[in-house]
Amino acid sequence: MTGAAALFDTIVAPITQTGGAVAVVRLSGAKSVAIAEVVSDWRQGPAGWATARLAQFRHGDEGIVTAFQPAKSYTGDETVEMSIHGSQASVGALLEACHKEGARLAEPGEFTYRAFMNGRIDLTQAEGVRDTVLAKTEAQLRQANSLRDGHLREQVAGLQDQLLTVLAAIEASTDFSEEVGELDRAAAQNQIGSVQVELSKWLALSQYAALIREGATVALIGRPNVGKSSLLNALTGTDRSIVTAHPGTTRDTVSETIDVQGIVVRFIDTAGIRESLDEIERLGVERSLAETNSADVVWFVYDASQGWTEADEAAMPDRPVTLVANKCDLLSDVSGLPREPAWPVSALTREGVADLLATLVQDVPGAEPPPVNRRHSALIVEAIESLDAATNTLASAVPDDMATVHIRSAIRILGEVTGKTASHDVIERVFQTFCIGK
């Protein structure tokens, strides 16, 4: 963001994608109403707040204008939203007119940044806004909605309250021991322990939250002509990869993304792994190996009708893989596959494909994981470490108040999750991931 002084600027940006039937342009700042009254024939009037009215714009278009008073606007500042036709020419002309009257173009995420700075939302809710915009699956949307609705903020505040209770008990027993008596160290440790248990639970489930939020990459590797491309097409229900009877048809990586029970999965079809004098095929094999190293999951596909061969063994990567025995439709009995355990499938008949897909989500818990992202997880680890230090202090022979340093540290770290105690640099990094208009 452009600094504290910029918070007093009036900013403008389209908050919808340009090029559709309708676009919405938002003004936010002290001059919003005044600018809207200049660039159109709209007038606020005595009861103009939150009342949508048709207006003619100076650049020739017409649309709906709605003004919001600071206490009820998205940003917490005076705001006007103008709905016009979505052509690039119309939106551009309106933005230019607003700029001439003193509004500058909003930076990426600046509307939400103002909402945060004005206390309308906390940092986790701001992240929820961003994640809502980026959501591709229902599971991602549910996770984003949970953040945006403030559920994580409320849970963090609850844990902070528990720690504040312990802190108050330690300070009271230290300063007023004659009146309140000695600290019940066991009770204090139990209270801290309950917070640690909850944080550890969030941390354990964070990998599933990350899987929902970020998705997974699955590389299909193996020798040429074992049916990797056919399997990609069967998995995704497309004809994304070219399929022929000639080995080495796939010379480069081909990818396709689908939704698997709410998780975005990107499948990558790779060039068959073998020694080759063909330079293009050799480069394709190098890319296959690179994808194997970077993928979240690797499915090694072999031809079950030919059995497990020395060439298959030579092509196996040095990392965990799931073996997929393709072309099982050519076998009369799959109970004795050449190499087990392997998932029997047929890319031709699609037999076993659904079961293979299910392996990607078999370990995902039935309950919705808390919407903890990587930033939150790193802070949770720090908070747990501080609480470990606090419980170890209370278990030792040192004075009670020595534990308060660690408890205060944990409270502060949890405040970084919600943004209450986060540094300016941390806040800036979060909003750098936003798009213009949000």
Protein backbone atom coordinates (compact mmCIF):
# COMPACT_ATOMS: atom_id res chain seq x y z
CA MET A 1 0.00 0.00 0.00
CA THR A 2 1.08 3.60 -0.48
CA GLY A 3 1.36 4.58 3.20
CA ALA A 4 -0.83 6.02 5.95
CA ALA A 5 -1.38 9.34 4.16
CA ALA A 6 -2.90 7.49 1.20
CA LEU A 7 -5.76 6.32 3.43
CA PHE A 8 -7.21 9.83 3.08
CA ASP A 9 -7.20 9.69 -0.74
CA THR A 10 -10.38 9.04 -2.66
CA ILE A 11 -9.78 5.93 -4.74
CA VAL A 12 -11.63 4.37 -7.66
CA ALA A 13 -11.53 1.00 -9.45
CA PRO A 14 -13.87 -1.46 -11.17
CA ILE A 15 -14.88 -4.19 -8.72
CA THR A 16 -16.15 -6.50 -11.45
CA GLN A 17 -14.41 -7.89 -14.50
CA THR A 18 -14.50 -5.52 -17.46
CA GLY A 19 -16.05 -6.88 -20.64
CA GLY A 20 -19.25 -8.38 -19.25
CA ALA A 21 -22.80 -7.10 -19.58
CA VAL A 22 -22.52 -4.95 -16.44
CA ALA A 23 -19.58 -3.48 -14.56
CA VAL A 24 -19.50 -1.88 -11.12
CA VAL A 25 -17.06 0.97 -10.45
CA ARG A 26 -16.45 1.84 -6.79
CA LEU A 27 -15.39 5.21 -5.37
CA SER A 28 -14.20 5.23 -1.75
CA GLY A 29 -13.03 8.21 0.27
CA ALA A 30 -14.20 11.61 1.48
CA LYS A 31 -14.78 12.97 -2.06
CA SER A 32 -16.76 9.99 -3.36
CA VAL A 33 -20.21 11.62 -3.33
CA ALA A 34 -18.89 14.90 -4.70
CA ILE A 35 -17.11 13.13 -7.58
CA ALA A 36 -20.15 10.98 -8.40
CA GLU A 37 -22.29 14.12 -8.59
CA VAL A 38 -19.87 15.63 -11.12
CA VAL A 39 -19.43 12.59 -13.39
CA SER A 40 -23.19 11.94 -13.55
CA ASP A 41 -26.53 13.69 -13.04
CA TRP A 42 -27.03 11.68 -9.83
CA ARG A 43 -27.59 13.71 -6.68
CA GLN A 44 -27.44 12.24 -3.22
CA GLY A 45 -30.40 14.12 -1.80
CA PRO A 46 -31.52 14.11 1.84
CA ALA A 47 -32.14 10.33 1.94
CA GLY A 48 -29.54 9.25 -0.60
CA TRP A 49 -27.63 6.68 1.45
CA ALA A 50 -28.05 3.08 0.24
CA THR A 51 -30.76 4.13 -2.23
CA ALA A 52 -30.08 2.90 -5.79
CA ARG A 53 -31.14 5.36 -8.48
CA LEU A 54 -30.84 5.54 -12.26
CA ALA A 55 -28.39 8.16 -13.51
CA GLN A 56 -26.95 9.50 -16.77
CA PHE A 57 -23.16 9.63 -16.88
CA ARG A 58 -21.14 12.42 -18.41
CA HIS A 59 -19.39 10.06 -20.82
CA GLY A 60 -22.72 9.04 -22.35
CA ASP A 61 -23.63 5.80 -20.56
CA GLU A 62 -26.40 5.29 -18.04
CA GLY A 63 -26.63 3.09 -14.96
CA ILE A 64 -27.39 2.76 -11.27
CA VAL A 65 -25.67 4.78 -8.52
CA THR A 66 -25.73 3.77 -4.85
CA ALA A 67 -24.02 5.67 -2.03
CA PHE A 68 -23.02 4.21 1.35
CA GLN A 69 -22.26 6.14 4.51
CA PRO A 70 -18.95 5.25 6.21
CA ALA A 71 -20.47 3.23 9.05
CA LYS A 72 -22.21 0.88 6.61
CA SER A 73 -19.84 0.74 3.65
CA TYR A 74 -17.48 -2.08 2.76
CA THR A 75 -14.37 0.01 3.37
CA GLY A 76 -15.54 2.03 6.36
CA ASP A 77 -15.21 5.20 4.27
CA GLU A 78 -17.78 7.17 2.30
CA THR A 79 -18.43 5.00 -0.76
CA VAL A 80 -20.31 5.23 -4.05
CA GLU A 81 -20.84 2.27 -6.38
CA MET A 82 -21.79 2.94 -10.01
CA SER A 83 -23.20 0.13 -12.17
CA ILE A 84 -22.78 0.75 -15.90
CA HIS A 85 -22.50 -1.28 -19.08
CA GLY A 86 -19.41 -3.47 -18.92
CA SER A 87 -17.58 -2.49 -22.09
CA GLN A 88 -13.95 -1.53 -21.79
CA ALA A 89 -14.67 1.83 -23.41
CA SER A 90 -17.45 2.75 -20.96
CA VAL A 91 -15.56 1.61 -17.86
CA GLY A 92 -12.39 3.36 -19.02
CA ALA A 93 -14.23 6.61 -19.70
CA LEU A 94 -15.83 6.59 -16.22
CA LEU A 95 -12.50 5.86 -14.53
CA GLU A 96 -10.88 8.72 -16.45
CA ALA A 97 -13.69 11.11 -15.48
CA CYS A 98 -13.31 10.18 -11.79
CA HIS A 99 -9.54 10.60 -12.02
CA LYS A 100 -9.92 14.10 -13.43
CA GLU A 101 -12.06 15.02 -10.43
CA GLY A 102 -9.41 13.91 -7.94
CA ALA A 103 -9.75 10.14 -7.46
CA ARG A 104 -6.71 7.94 -7.99
CA LEU A 105 -6.80 4.32 -9.17
CA ALA A 106 -7.00 1.93 -6.24
CA GLU A 107 -4.06 -0.38 -5.69
CA PRO A 108 -4.60 -4.17 -5.58
CA GLY A 109 -6.57 -5.03 -2.44
CA GLU A 110 -6.84 -1.42 -1.32
CA PHE A 111 -10.60 -1.47 -0.70
CA THR A 112 -10.20 -4.47 1.63
CA TYR A 113 -7.06 -2.92 3.15
CA ARG A 114 -9.13 0.12 4.13
CA ALA A 115 -11.79 -2.16 5.60
CA PHE A 116 -9.06 -3.74 7.73
CA MET A 117 -7.48 -0.44 8.76
CA ASN A 118 -10.90 1.00 9.64
CA GLY A 119 -11.68 -1.99 11.88
CA ARG A 120 -14.44 -3.39 9.69
CA ILE A 121 -12.68 -6.75 9.41
CA ASP A 122 -9.61 -8.50 10.81
CA LEU A 123 -6.72 -9.98 8.82
CA THR A 124 -8.21 -13.48 8.65
CA GLN A 125 -11.44 -12.04 7.24
CA ALA A 126 -9.42 -10.11 4.66
CA GLU A 127 -7.76 -13.38 3.65
CA GLY A 128 -11.24 -14.88 3.42
CA VAL A 129 -12.24 -12.16 0.95
CA ARG A 130 -9.23 -12.99 -1.22
CA ASP A 131 -9.89 -16.73 -0.99
CA THR A 132 -13.56 -16.22 -1.91
CA VAL A 133 -12.51 -14.47 -5.11
CA LEU A 134 -10.09 -17.30 -5.95
CA ALA A 135 -12.38 -20.21 -4.98
CA LYS A 136 -12.83 -22.86 -7.70
CA THR A 137 -14.64 -25.56 -5.74
CA GLU A 138 -17.45 -25.67 -3.19
CA ALA A 139 -14.99 -26.83 -0.53
CA GLN A 140 -12.71 -23.86 -1.20
CA LEU A 141 -15.72 -21.55 -1.04
CA ARG A 142 -16.87 -23.02 2.30
CA GLN A 143 -13.37 -22.55 3.70
CA ALA A 144 -13.19 -18.97 2.41
CA ASN A 145 -16.67 -18.19 3.78
CA SER A 146 -15.64 -19.50 7.19
CA LEU A 147 -12.69 -17.10 7.26
CA ARG A 148 -14.73 -14.19 5.93
CA ASP A 149 -17.46 -14.77 8.49
CA GLY A 150 -14.90 -14.38 11.29
CA HIS A 151 -14.96 -17.95 12.63
CA LEU A 152 -11.18 -18.23 12.97
CA ARG A 153 -10.99 -14.78 14.55
CA GLU A 154 -13.56 -15.83 17.17
CA GLN A 155 -11.70 -19.08 17.90
CA VAL A 156 -8.40 -17.24 18.30
CA ALA A 157 -10.01 -14.67 20.59
CA GLY A 158 -11.41 -17.49 22.73
CA LEU A 159 -7.96 -19.03 23.19
CA GLN A 160 -6.47 -15.64 23.99
CA ASP A 161 -9.14 -15.16 26.67
CA GLN A 162 -8.17 -18.47 28.27
CA LEU A 163 -4.53 -17.42 28.36
CA LEU A 164 -5.45 -14.01 29.76
CA THR A 165 -7.28 -15.78 32.59
CA VAL A 166 -4.12 -17.73 33.44
CA LEU A 167 -2.04 -14.56 33.17
CA ALA A 168 -4.38 -12.73 35.54
CA ALA A 169 -4.20 -15.58 38.06
CA ILE A 170 -0.39 -15.56 38.03
CA GLU A 171 -0.17 -11.79 38.40
CA ALA A 172 -2.77 -11.74 41.19
CA SER A 173 -0.95 -14.46 43.16
CA THR A 174 2.33 -12.60 42.67
CA ASP A 175 1.11 -9.11 43.63
CA PHE A 176 -1.59 -10.01 46.16
CA SER A 177 -0.50 -13.38 47.52
CA GLU A 178 -1.74 -12.57 51.02
CA GLU A 179 -5.26 -11.89 49.74
CA VAL A 180 -5.65 -14.54 47.00
CA GLY A 181 -3.15 -17.15 48.13
CA GLU A 182 -0.56 -19.11 46.17
CA LEU A 183 -1.04 -19.93 42.50
CA ASP A 184 -2.54 -23.33 41.72
CA ARG A 185 0.20 -24.32 39.31
CA ALA A 186 -1.48 -27.58 38.26
CA ALA A 187 -4.67 -25.74 37.33
CA ALA A 188 -2.69 -23.12 35.38
CA GLN A 189 -0.80 -25.84 33.50
CA ASN A 190 -4.06 -27.59 32.66
CA GLN A 191 -5.54 -24.37 31.27
CA ILE A 192 -2.46 -23.73 29.15
CA GLY A 193 -2.50 -27.36 28.08
CA SER A 194 -6.08 -27.11 26.83
CA VAL A 195 -5.04 -24.21 24.59
CA GLN A 196 -2.07 -26.22 23.33
CA VAL A 197 -4.31 -29.17 22.51
CA GLU A 198 -6.64 -26.98 20.47
CA LEU A 199 -3.77 -25.34 18.60
CA SER A 200 -2.18 -28.72 17.93
CA LYS A 201 -5.49 -29.93 16.52
CA TRP A 202 -5.58 -26.97 14.13
CA LEU A 203 -2.01 -27.69 13.11
CA ALA A 204 -2.71 -31.37 12.48
CA LEU A 205 -5.65 -30.49 10.23
CA SER A 206 -3.84 -27.65 8.46
CA GLN A 207 -2.48 -30.05 5.81
CA TYR A 208 -6.05 -30.89 4.80
CA ALA A 209 -7.03 -27.22 4.80
CA ALA A 210 -4.02 -26.59 2.53
CA LEU A 211 -5.09 -29.45 0.27
CA ILE A 212 -8.54 -27.88 -0.13
CA ARG A 213 -7.17 -24.37 -0.60
CA GLU A 214 -4.18 -25.14 -2.84
CA GLY A 215 -5.11 -28.42 -4.49
CA ALA A 216 -2.72 -31.19 -5.50
CA THR A 217 -0.60 -32.09 -8.49
CA VAL A 218 -0.52 -35.69 -9.71
CA ALA A 219 2.15 -36.76 -12.22
CA LEU A 220 1.44 -39.76 -14.45
CA ILE A 221 4.78 -41.36 -15.27
CA GLY A 222 5.98 -44.64 -16.73
CA ARG A 223 7.41 -46.21 -19.87
CA PRO A 224 6.12 -45.22 -23.33
CA ASN A 225 2.87 -46.77 -24.55
CA VAL A 226 1.58 -48.00 -21.18
CA GLY A 227 -1.54 -45.81 -21.53
CA LYS A 228 -0.68 -42.70 -19.53
CA SER A 229 -2.34 -40.38 -22.04
CA SER A 230 -5.43 -42.59 -22.27
CA LEU A 231 -5.59 -42.66 -18.48
CA LEU A 232 -5.37 -38.84 -18.31
CA ASN A 233 -8.29 -38.62 -20.73
CA ALA A 234 -10.28 -41.17 -18.71
CA LEU A 235 -9.56 -39.40 -15.41
CA THR A 236 -10.58 -35.97 -16.71
CA GLY A 237 -13.30 -36.96 -19.17
CA THR A 238 -11.51 -35.10 -21.98
CA ASP A 239 -9.41 -35.79 -25.06
CA ARG A 240 -6.64 -33.60 -23.68
CA SER A 241 -3.78 -35.94 -24.60
CA ILE A 242 -3.12 -37.34 -28.07
CA VAL A 243 -3.34 -41.14 -28.08
CA THR A 244 -1.77 -43.38 -30.72
CA ALA A 245 -0.39 -46.90 -30.88
CA HIS A 246 3.12 -45.53 -31.46
CA PRO A 247 5.38 -45.38 -28.39
CA GLY A 248 6.67 -41.93 -27.49
CA THR A 249 3.67 -39.96 -28.79
CA THR A 250 3.78 -37.63 -25.79
CA ARG A 251 6.93 -35.53 -26.13
CA ASP A 252 6.03 -32.78 -23.63
CA THR A 253 4.02 -32.53 -20.45
CA VAL A 254 0.24 -32.14 -20.84
CA SER A 255 -1.93 -31.10 -17.90
CA GLU A 256 -5.63 -30.96 -17.05
CA THR A 257 -7.37 -29.88 -13.83
CA ILE A 258 -10.54 -31.35 -12.32
CA ASP A 259 -12.50 -31.17 -9.06
CA VAL A 260 -12.19 -34.34 -6.96
CA GLN A 261 -14.66 -34.11 -4.07
CA GLY A 262 -13.91 -30.43 -3.55
CA ILE A 263 -10.16 -30.67 -4.11
CA VAL A 264 -8.59 -29.13 -7.22
CA VAL A 265 -6.37 -31.81 -8.75
CA ARG A 266 -4.00 -31.07 -11.63
CA PHE A 267 -3.02 -34.18 -13.56
CA ILE A 268 0.16 -34.09 -15.63
CA ASP A 269 0.71 -36.54 -18.46
CA THR A 270 4.45 -36.94 -19.03
CA ALA A 271 6.65 -38.30 -21.77
CA GLY A 272 7.42 -42.01 -21.49
CA ILE A 273 10.65 -42.67 -19.61
CA ARG A 274 13.23 -44.52 -21.71
CA GLU A 275 16.64 -44.03 -23.29
CA SER A 276 16.29 -42.25 -26.63
CA LEU A 277 18.53 -40.78 -29.30
CA ASP A 278 15.75 -38.41 -30.36
CA GLU A 279 16.61 -34.99 -28.92
CA ILE A 280 12.97 -33.88 -28.57
CA GLU A 281 11.96 -37.09 -26.81
CA ARG A 282 15.03 -36.84 -24.56
CA LEU A 283 14.02 -33.33 -23.52
CA GLY A 284 10.52 -34.65 -22.85
CA VAL A 285 11.93 -37.34 -20.56
CA GLU A 286 13.91 -34.68 -18.67
CA ARG A 287 10.71 -32.73 -18.13
CA SER A 288 8.99 -35.91 -16.94
CA LEU A 289 11.65 -36.39 -14.31
CA ALA A 290 11.32 -32.74 -13.24
CA GLU A 291 7.55 -33.10 -12.86
CA THR A 292 8.11 -36.30 -10.87
CA ASN A 293 10.27 -34.41 -8.39
CA SER A 294 7.87 -31.49 -7.94
CA ALA A 295 4.48 -33.28 -7.96
CA ASP A 296 2.55 -33.86 -4.73
CA VAL A 297 1.60 -37.38 -5.83
CA VAL A 298 3.17 -39.67 -8.45
CA TRP A 299 1.26 -42.45 -10.18
CA PHE A 300 3.58 -44.89 -11.93
CA VAL A 301 1.62 -46.50 -14.73
CA TYR A 302 2.59 -49.84 -16.25
CA ASP A 303 0.98 -52.19 -18.77
CA ALA A 304 -0.62 -55.02 -16.79
CA SER A 305 -1.07 -57.09 -19.93
CA GLN A 306 2.71 -57.19 -20.42
CA GLY A 307 3.53 -57.66 -16.77
CA TRP A 308 6.16 -55.91 -14.72
CA THR A 309 9.36 -55.60 -16.76
CA GLU A 310 12.97 -54.70 -16.18
CA ALA A 311 12.30 -51.50 -18.12
CA ASP A 312 9.55 -50.61 -15.63
CA GLU A 313 11.95 -51.25 -12.77
CA ALA A 314 14.57 -49.04 -14.41
CA ALA A 315 12.08 -46.21 -14.91
CA MET A 316 10.95 -46.18 -11.27
CA PRO A 317 11.81 -42.87 -9.54
CA ASP A 318 13.55 -42.61 -6.20
CA ARG A 319 10.48 -41.40 -4.31
CA PRO A 320 7.17 -42.87 -3.08
CA VAL A 321 4.74 -43.69 -5.88
CA THR A 322 1.33 -45.30 -6.35
CA LEU A 323 1.52 -48.16 -8.83
CA VAL A 324 -1.27 -48.18 -11.42
CA ALA A 325 -1.75 -51.35 -13.47
CA ASN A 326 -3.40 -50.13 -16.68
CA LYS A 327 -5.03 -52.22 -19.45
CA CYS A 328 -6.53 -54.64 -16.95
CA ASP A 329 -9.39 -55.18 -19.39
CA LEU A 330 -6.94 -57.40 -21.29
CA LEU A 331 -6.50 -59.69 -18.26
CA SER A 332 -8.90 -62.47 -17.33
CA ASP A 333 -7.88 -62.25 -13.67
CA VAL A 334 -6.44 -59.21 -11.87
CA SER A 335 -5.94 -60.97 -8.54
CA GLY A 336 -2.40 -61.94 -9.48
CA LEU A 337 -1.03 -58.71 -10.87
CA PRO A 338 2.67 -58.94 -11.78
CA ARG A 339 3.64 -56.48 -9.09
CA GLU A 340 1.53 -55.68 -6.06
CA PRO A 341 0.19 -53.62 -4.48
CA ALA A 342 -1.07 -51.91 -7.62
CA TRP A 343 -4.37 -50.29 -8.53
CA PRO A 344 -5.97 -52.18 -11.43
CA VAL A 345 -7.61 -49.84 -13.96
CA SER A 346 -8.63 -49.76 -17.58
CA ALA A 347 -8.35 -46.43 -19.33
CA LEU A 348 -10.38 -47.94 -22.18
CA THR A 349 -13.40 -49.11 -20.15
CA ARG A 350 -12.83 -46.72 -17.19
CA GLU A 351 -13.04 -49.68 -14.82
CA GLY A 352 -11.28 -48.85 -11.55
CA VAL A 353 -10.79 -45.17 -12.45
CA ALA A 354 -13.25 -43.93 -9.80
CA ASP A 355 -11.54 -46.04 -7.12
CA LEU A 356 -8.15 -44.66 -8.18
CA LEU A 357 -9.43 -41.08 -7.89
CA ALA A 358 -10.81 -41.85 -4.44
CA THR A 359 -7.29 -42.58 -3.17
CA LEU A 360 -6.52 -38.87 -3.44
CA VAL A 361 -9.09 -38.00 -0.76
CA GLN A 362 -9.17 -41.16 1.33
CA ASP A 363 -7.25 -39.55 4.20
CA VAL A 364 -9.21 -36.30 4.24
CA PRO A 365 -11.25 -36.08 7.48
CA GLY A 366 -15.02 -36.07 7.19
CA ALA A 367 -15.35 -32.91 9.27
CA GLU A 368 -14.46 -29.61 7.63
CA PRO A 369 -10.94 -28.63 8.76
CA PRO A 370 -10.44 -25.15 10.28
CA PRO A 371 -9.49 -22.63 7.56
CA VAL A 372 -5.87 -22.38 8.70
CA ASN A 373 -3.45 -21.30 5.96
CA ARG A 374 0.35 -21.41 5.82
CA ARG A 375 0.75 -18.00 7.49
CA HIS A 376 -1.49 -19.07 10.36
CA SER A 377 0.29 -22.44 10.71
CA ALA A 378 3.70 -20.85 11.14
CA LEU A 379 2.34 -18.61 13.90
CA ILE A 380 0.55 -21.52 15.59
CA VAL A 381 3.86 -23.39 15.79
CA GLU A 382 5.43 -20.35 17.48
CA ALA A 383 2.52 -20.03 19.92
CA ILE A 384 2.76 -23.71 20.88
CA GLU A 385 6.50 -23.30 21.53
CA SER A 386 5.84 -20.32 23.80
CA LEU A 387 3.20 -22.27 25.71
CA ASP A 388 5.58 -25.22 26.05
CA ALA A 389 8.05 -22.81 27.65
CA ALA A 390 5.33 -21.52 29.98
CA THR A 391 4.32 -25.00 31.18
CA ASN A 392 7.97 -26.00 31.66
CA THR A 393 8.50 -22.86 33.73
CA LEU A 394 5.50 -23.66 35.93
CA ALA A 395 6.81 -27.21 36.37
CA SER A 396 10.16 -25.92 37.66
CA ALA A 397 11.24 -24.26 40.89
CA VAL A 398 11.46 -20.72 39.50
CA PRO A 399 8.99 -17.97 40.56
CA ASP A 400 5.49 -18.11 39.05
CA ASP A 401 5.77 -14.79 37.25
CA MET A 402 8.60 -16.12 35.07
CA ALA A 403 5.91 -17.91 33.03
CA THR A 404 4.12 -14.66 32.20
CA VAL A 405 6.75 -13.74 29.60
CA HIS A 406 5.96 -16.86 27.59
CA ILE A 407 2.19 -16.53 28.01
CA ARG A 408 2.28 -12.91 26.86
CA SER A 409 4.36 -14.02 23.88
CA ALA A 410 1.75 -16.63 22.93
CA ILE A 411 -1.05 -14.07 23.22
CA ARG A 412 0.88 -11.64 21.00
CA ILE A 413 1.62 -14.34 18.40
CA LEU A 414 -2.05 -15.32 18.22
CA GLY A 415 -2.78 -11.63 17.73
CA GLU A 416 -0.62 -11.77 14.60
CA VAL A 417 -3.02 -14.36 13.17
CA THR A 418 -5.89 -11.88 13.32
CA GLY A 419 -3.64 -8.92 12.51
CA LYS A 420 -4.12 -7.19 15.84
CA THR A 421 -0.42 -7.37 16.66
CA ALA A 422 0.94 -8.03 13.15
CA SER A 423 3.71 -5.82 11.81
CA HIS A 424 3.18 -3.47 8.89
CA ASP A 425 5.37 -5.70 6.69
CA VAL A 426 3.22 -8.76 7.40
CA ILE A 427 0.03 -6.86 6.62
CA GLU A 428 1.56 -5.54 3.39
CA ARG A 429 2.51 -9.07 2.29
CA VAL A 430 -1.04 -10.31 2.81
CA PHE A 431 -2.57 -7.55 0.70
CA GLN A 432 0.02 -7.93 -2.05
CA THR A 433 -1.78 -11.15 -3.02
CA PHE A 434 -5.03 -9.31 -3.81
CA CYS A 435 -6.27 -8.19 -7.21
CA ILE A 436 -7.29 -4.66 -8.24
CA GLY A 437 -10.88 -3.90 -7.25
CA LYS A 438 -10.92 -5.91 -4.03
